[in-house]
C-alpha atoms as a PDB file:
ATOM      1  CA  MET A   1      -6.717   0.300 -22.462  1.00  0.00           C
ATOM      2  CA  SER A   2      -6.050  -3.608 -22.226  1.00  0.00           C
ATOM      3  CA  ASP A   3      -6.869  -5.528 -20.078  1.00  0.00           C
ATOM      4  CA  PHE A   4      -4.074  -6.473 -18.162  1.00  0.00           C
ATOM      5  CA  ALA A   5      -3.497  -2.810 -17.812  1.00  0.00           C
ATOM      6  CA  HIS A   6      -7.015  -2.548 -16.100  1.00  0.00           C
ATOM      7  CA  LEU A   7      -6.810  -5.474 -13.808  1.00  0.00           C
ATOM      8  CA  ALA A   8      -2.808  -3.894 -12.575  1.00  0.00           C
ATOM      9  CA  ARG A   9      -4.665  -0.305 -12.147  1.00  0.00           C
ATOM     10  CA  TYR A  10      -7.748  -1.866  -9.789  1.00  0.00           C
ATOM     11  CA  LEU A  11      -4.907  -4.240  -8.532  1.00  0.00           C
ATOM     12  CA  LYS A  12      -2.804  -0.521  -7.614  1.00  0.00           C
ATOM     13  CA  LYS A  13      -6.322   1.629  -7.020  1.00  0.00           C
ATOM     14  CA  GLN A  14      -7.231  -0.958  -3.970  1.00  0.00           C
ATOM     15  CA  HIS A  15      -5.560  -1.986  -0.713  1.00  0.00           C
ATOM     16  CA  VAL A  16      -7.359  -4.914   1.714  1.00  0.00           C
ATOM     17  CA  LEU A  17      -7.852  -8.469   0.393  1.00  0.00           C
ATOM     18  CA  SER A  18      -9.529 -11.519   1.815  1.00  0.00           C
ATOM     19  CA  LEU A  19      -7.547 -13.864   1.819  1.00  0.00           C
ATOM     20  CA  CYS A  20      -8.634 -17.910   2.351  1.00  0.00           C
ATOM     21  CA  CYS A  21      -6.555 -20.846   3.241  1.00  0.00           C
ATOM     22  CA  ALA A  22      -7.144 -24.291   4.077  1.00  0.00           C
ATOM     23  CA  THR A  23      -5.551 -27.344   5.706  1.00  0.00           C
ATOM     24  CA  ALA A  24      -6.015 -30.769   5.070  1.00  0.00           C
ATOM     25  CA  ASP A  25      -8.961 -30.043   8.458  1.00  0.00           C
ATOM     26  CA  ASP A  26      -9.628 -25.982   8.293  1.00  0.00           C
ATOM     27  CA  LEU A  27     -10.667 -23.882   6.346  1.00  0.00           C
ATOM     28  CA  TRP A  28     -10.420 -19.403   7.041  1.00  0.00           C
ATOM     29  CA  CYS A  29     -10.037 -16.274   6.012  1.00  0.00           C
ATOM     30  CA  ALA A  30      -8.546 -13.108   6.623  1.00  0.00           C
ATOM     31  CA  ASN A  31      -8.831  -9.767   5.463  1.00  0.00           C
ATOM     32  CA  CYS A  32      -5.254  -7.509   5.152  1.00  0.00           C
ATOM     33  CA  PHE A  33      -3.692  -4.328   3.900  1.00  0.00           C
ATOM     34  CA  TYR A  34      -1.839  -5.159   0.725  1.00  0.00           C
ATOM     35  CA  VAL A  35       0.238  -3.775  -1.956  1.00  0.00           C
ATOM     36  CA  PHE A  36       0.597  -4.960  -5.747  1.00  0.00           C
ATOM     37  CA  ASN A  37       4.049  -5.754  -6.649  1.00  0.00           C
ATOM     38  CA  GLU A  38       3.146  -5.641 -11.419  1.00  0.00           C
ATOM     39  CA  PRO A  39       6.076  -7.360 -12.257  1.00  0.00           C
ATOM     40  CA  THR A  40       6.237  -9.932 -10.709  1.00  0.00           C
ATOM     41  CA  MET A  41       2.298 -10.155 -10.533  1.00  0.00           C
ATOM     42  CA  ALA A  42       2.107 -11.031  -7.403  1.00  0.00           C
ATOM     43  CA  LEU A  43       0.284  -9.314  -3.725  1.00  0.00           C
ATOM     44  CA  TRP A  44       2.572  -8.378  -0.660  1.00  0.00           C
ATOM     45  CA  LEU A  45       1.163  -8.754   2.676  1.00  0.00           C
ATOM     46  CA  MET A  46       2.434  -8.573   6.019  1.00  0.00           C
ATOM     47  CA  THR A  47       0.665 -11.164   8.854  1.00  0.00           C
ATOM     48  CA  GLU A  48       2.508 -12.906  11.948  1.00  0.00           C
ATOM     49  CA  THR A  49       2.831 -16.778  11.566  1.00  0.00           C
ATOM     50  CA  HIS A  50       1.619 -17.025  15.221  1.00  0.00           C
ATOM     51  CA  THR A  51      -2.167 -16.098  14.139  1.00  0.00           C
ATOM     52  CA  ARG A  52      -5.149 -19.043  12.439  1.00  0.00           C
ATOM     53  CA  HIS A  53      -4.284 -18.012   9.147  1.00  0.00           C
ATOM     54  CA  GLY A  54      -0.617 -17.838   9.655  1.00  0.00           C
ATOM     55  CA  ALA A  55       0.270 -21.155  10.621  1.00  0.00           C
ATOM     56  CA  MET A  56      -2.247 -22.324   8.329  1.00  0.00           C
ATOM     57  CA  LEU A  57      -0.088 -20.350   5.579  1.00  0.00           C
ATOM     58  CA  LEU A  58       2.619 -22.069   7.079  1.00  0.00           C
ATOM     59  CA  GLN A  59       1.011 -25.719   6.078  1.00  0.00           C
ATOM     60  CA  GLN A  60      -0.939 -24.666   2.734  1.00  0.00           C
ATOM     61  CA  PRO A  61       1.305 -22.196   0.979  1.00  0.00           C
ATOM     62  CA  ARG A  62      -2.023 -22.732  -2.299  1.00  0.00           C
ATOM     63  CA  VAL A  63      -4.976 -19.431  -0.921  1.00  0.00           C
ATOM     64  CA  ALA A  64      -7.686 -18.064  -2.594  1.00  0.00           C
ATOM     65  CA  GLY A  65      -9.185 -14.478  -2.253  1.00  0.00           C
ATOM     66  CA  THR A  66     -11.359 -11.492  -3.245  1.00  0.00           C
ATOM     67  CA  ILE A  67     -10.270  -7.663  -3.278  1.00  0.00           C
ATOM     68  CA  ASN A  68     -13.548  -5.598  -3.727  1.00  0.00           C
ATOM     69  CA  GLY A  69     -14.849  -1.940  -3.078  1.00  0.00           C
ATOM     70  CA  GLN A  70     -18.149  -1.807  -0.975  1.00  0.00           C
ATOM     71  CA  PRO A  71     -20.947   0.407  -4.180  1.00  0.00           C
ATOM     72  CA  LYS A  72     -24.272   0.810  -3.385  1.00  0.00           C
ATOM     73  CA  SER A  73     -24.651   0.175  -6.924  1.00  0.00           C
ATOM     74  CA  VAL A  74     -25.264  -2.828  -8.488  1.00  0.00           C
ATOM     75  CA  LEU A  75     -23.839  -1.382 -12.029  1.00  0.00           C
ATOM     76  CA  LEU A  76     -20.843   0.262 -10.544  1.00  0.00           C
ATOM     77  CA  ILE A  77     -19.267  -3.257  -8.762  1.00  0.00           C
ATOM     78  CA  LYS A  78     -15.688  -3.653 -10.110  1.00  0.00           C
ATOM     79  CA  GLY A  79     -13.760  -7.104  -8.070  1.00  0.00           C
ATOM     80  CA  ILE A  80     -11.261  -9.567  -8.473  1.00  0.00           C
ATOM     81  CA  GLN A  81     -10.919 -13.009  -7.240  1.00  0.00           C
ATOM     82  CA  TYR A  82      -7.760 -14.529  -7.256  1.00  0.00           C
ATOM     83  CA  THR A  83      -5.395 -17.723  -6.343  1.00  0.00           C
ATOM     84  CA  GLY A  84      -1.685 -17.933  -6.108  1.00  0.00           C
ATOM     85  CA  ASP A  85       1.036 -19.605  -3.693  1.00  0.00           C
ATOM     86  CA  ILE A  86       2.239 -17.169  -0.697  1.00  0.00           C
ATOM     87  CA  ALA A  87       5.251 -18.158   0.798  1.00  0.00           C
ATOM     88  CA  LEU A  88       6.870 -16.057   3.988  1.00  0.00           C
ATOM     89  CA  LEU A  89       9.953 -13.331   1.968  1.00  0.00           C
ATOM     90  CA  SER A  90      13.682 -13.288   2.803  1.00  0.00           C
ATOM     91  CA  GLY A  91      17.104 -11.446   1.758  1.00  0.00           C
ATOM     92  CA  GLU A  92      16.570  -8.521  -0.465  1.00  0.00           C
ATOM     93  CA  ALA A  93      13.138  -9.569  -1.451  1.00  0.00           C
ATOM     94  CA  GLU A  94      11.547  -8.784   2.651  1.00  0.00           C
ATOM     95  CA  ILE A  95      14.009  -5.718   2.177  1.00  0.00           C
ATOM     96  CA  ALA A  96      12.070  -4.317  -1.376  1.00  0.00           C
ATOM     97  CA  ALA A  97       8.559  -5.543  -0.052  1.00  0.00           C
ATOM     98  CA  ARG A  98       9.332  -3.800   2.877  1.00  0.00           C
ATOM     99  CA  GLU A  99      10.327  -0.479   1.583  1.00  0.00           C
ATOM    100  CA  ALA A 100       6.812  -0.783  -0.839  1.00  0.00           C
ATOM    101  CA  TYR A 101       4.444  -2.093   2.052  1.00  0.00           C
ATOM    102  CA  CYS A 102       5.554   0.955   4.581  1.00  0.00           C
ATOM    103  CA  GLN A 103       5.653   3.588   2.280  1.00  0.00           C
ATOM    104  CA  ARG A 104       1.948   2.408   1.237  1.00  0.00           C
ATOM    105  CA  PHE A 105       1.053   1.967   5.390  1.00  0.00           C
ATOM    106  CA  PRO A 106       3.240   4.023   6.478  1.00  0.00           C
ATOM    107  CA  VAL A 107       2.053   2.785  10.216  1.00  0.00           C
ATOM    108  CA  ALA A 108       3.683  -0.160   9.257  1.00  0.00           C
ATOM    109  CA  ARG A 109       7.095   0.889  10.266  1.00  0.00           C
ATOM    110  CA  LYS A 110       5.978   0.446  13.899  1.00  0.00           C
ATOM    111  CA  ALA A 111       5.597  -3.100  12.677  1.00  0.00           C
ATOM    112  CA  SER A 112       7.862  -5.773  12.808  1.00  0.00           C
ATOM    113  CA  ALA A 113       5.809  -8.981  10.788  1.00  0.00           C
ATOM    114  CA  PRO A 114       6.624 -10.961   9.004  1.00  0.00           C
ATOM    115  CA  LEU A 115       6.408 -10.039   4.629  1.00  0.00           C
ATOM    116  CA  TRP A 116       4.597 -12.751   2.761  1.00  0.00           C
ATOM    117  CA  GLU A 117       4.009 -12.685  -1.184  1.00  0.00           C
ATOM    118  CA  ILE A 118       0.891 -13.906  -2.898  1.00  0.00           C
ATOM    119  CA  ARG A 119       2.236 -15.081  -6.308  1.00  0.00           C
ATOM    120  CA  LEU A 120      -0.881 -14.969  -8.268  1.00  0.00           C
ATOM    121  CA  ARG A 121      -1.743 -17.692 -10.665  1.00  0.00           C
ATOM    122  CA  GLU A 122      -4.763 -16.849 -11.362  1.00  0.00           C
ATOM    123  CA  LEU A 123      -7.164 -13.481 -11.595  1.00  0.00           C
ATOM    124  CA  LYS A 124     -10.641 -12.777 -13.121  1.00  0.00           C
ATOM    125  CA  MET A 125     -12.032  -9.173 -12.708  1.00  0.00           C
ATOM    126  CA  THR A 126     -15.720  -8.662 -12.701  1.00  0.00           C
ATOM    127  CA  ASP A 127     -16.684  -5.085 -13.818  1.00  0.00           C
ATOM    128  CA  ASN A 128     -19.558  -3.818 -14.289  1.00  0.00           C
ATOM    129  CA  LYS A 129     -18.759  -0.935 -15.737  1.00  0.00           C
ATOM    130  CA  LEU A 130     -17.716  -2.449 -18.859  1.00  0.00           C
ATOM    131  CA  GLY A 131     -21.368  -3.803 -19.366  1.00  0.00           C
ATOM    132  CA  PHE A 132     -22.857  -5.730 -16.699  1.00  0.00           C
ATOM    133  CA  GLY A 133     -21.050  -9.359 -15.618  1.00  0.00           C
ATOM    134  CA  SER A 134     -18.233  -8.008 -18.062  1.00  0.00           C
ATOM    135  CA  LYS A 135     -15.222  -9.723 -17.368  1.00  0.00           C
ATOM    136  CA  ILE A 136     -11.430  -9.904 -17.844  1.00  0.00           C
ATOM    137  CA  ALA A 137      -9.108 -13.354 -17.072  1.00  0.00           C
ATOM    138  CA  TRP A 138      -5.374 -13.492 -16.191  1.00  0.00           C
ATOM    139  CA  GLN A 139      -2.938 -16.605 -15.411  1.00  0.00           C
ATOM    140  CA  ARG A 140       0.203 -17.044 -15.122  1.00  0.00           C
ATOM    141  CA  GLU A 141       1.540 -19.369 -17.908  1.00  0.00           C
ATOM    142  CA  GLU A 142       2.249 -23.214 -16.546  1.00  0.00           C
ATOM    143  CA  SER A 143       5.787 -23.050 -16.795  1.00  0.00           C
ATOM    144  CA  GLU A 144       6.001 -19.603 -14.630  1.00  0.00           C
ATOM    145  CA  ARG A 145       4.216 -21.339 -11.600  1.00  0.00           C
ATOM    146  CA  GLY A 146       6.616 -22.673  -9.618  1.00  0.00           C
ATOM    147  CA  ILE A 147       4.856 -24.131  -6.428  1.00  0.00           C
ATOM    148  CA  GLU A 148       3.693 -27.202  -6.736  1.00  0.00           C
END
């Protein structure tokens, strides 16, 4: 299996991410359910703009976070660290993301919270099943980054 396929497979299996955000005078982290969109290397999540992290994301779109399970053995540790740029979705992009999100999390059909997209910039995966401390890295090409 290629490194990219290994990353994508893991991202599809998991469903909760930590989302870390910052403004000039504040730092905050939140846990959110997500759906991975492999074709665009993006994570879709649902959260209100009036939450502490939502308000901060509107001010500063650069984010970082982690995605990991909770194994009992250090030999089974797998997890991802990521950076990206987050934005509220609208139009056709929002409709497609909401459909995928509600398919994965049916209870979300009753929610009206906005959907956001984290356009991933960089991923680093640790997978001790491949050998203790083994790392897999992925980075978006500079020409594809968009938000600066």
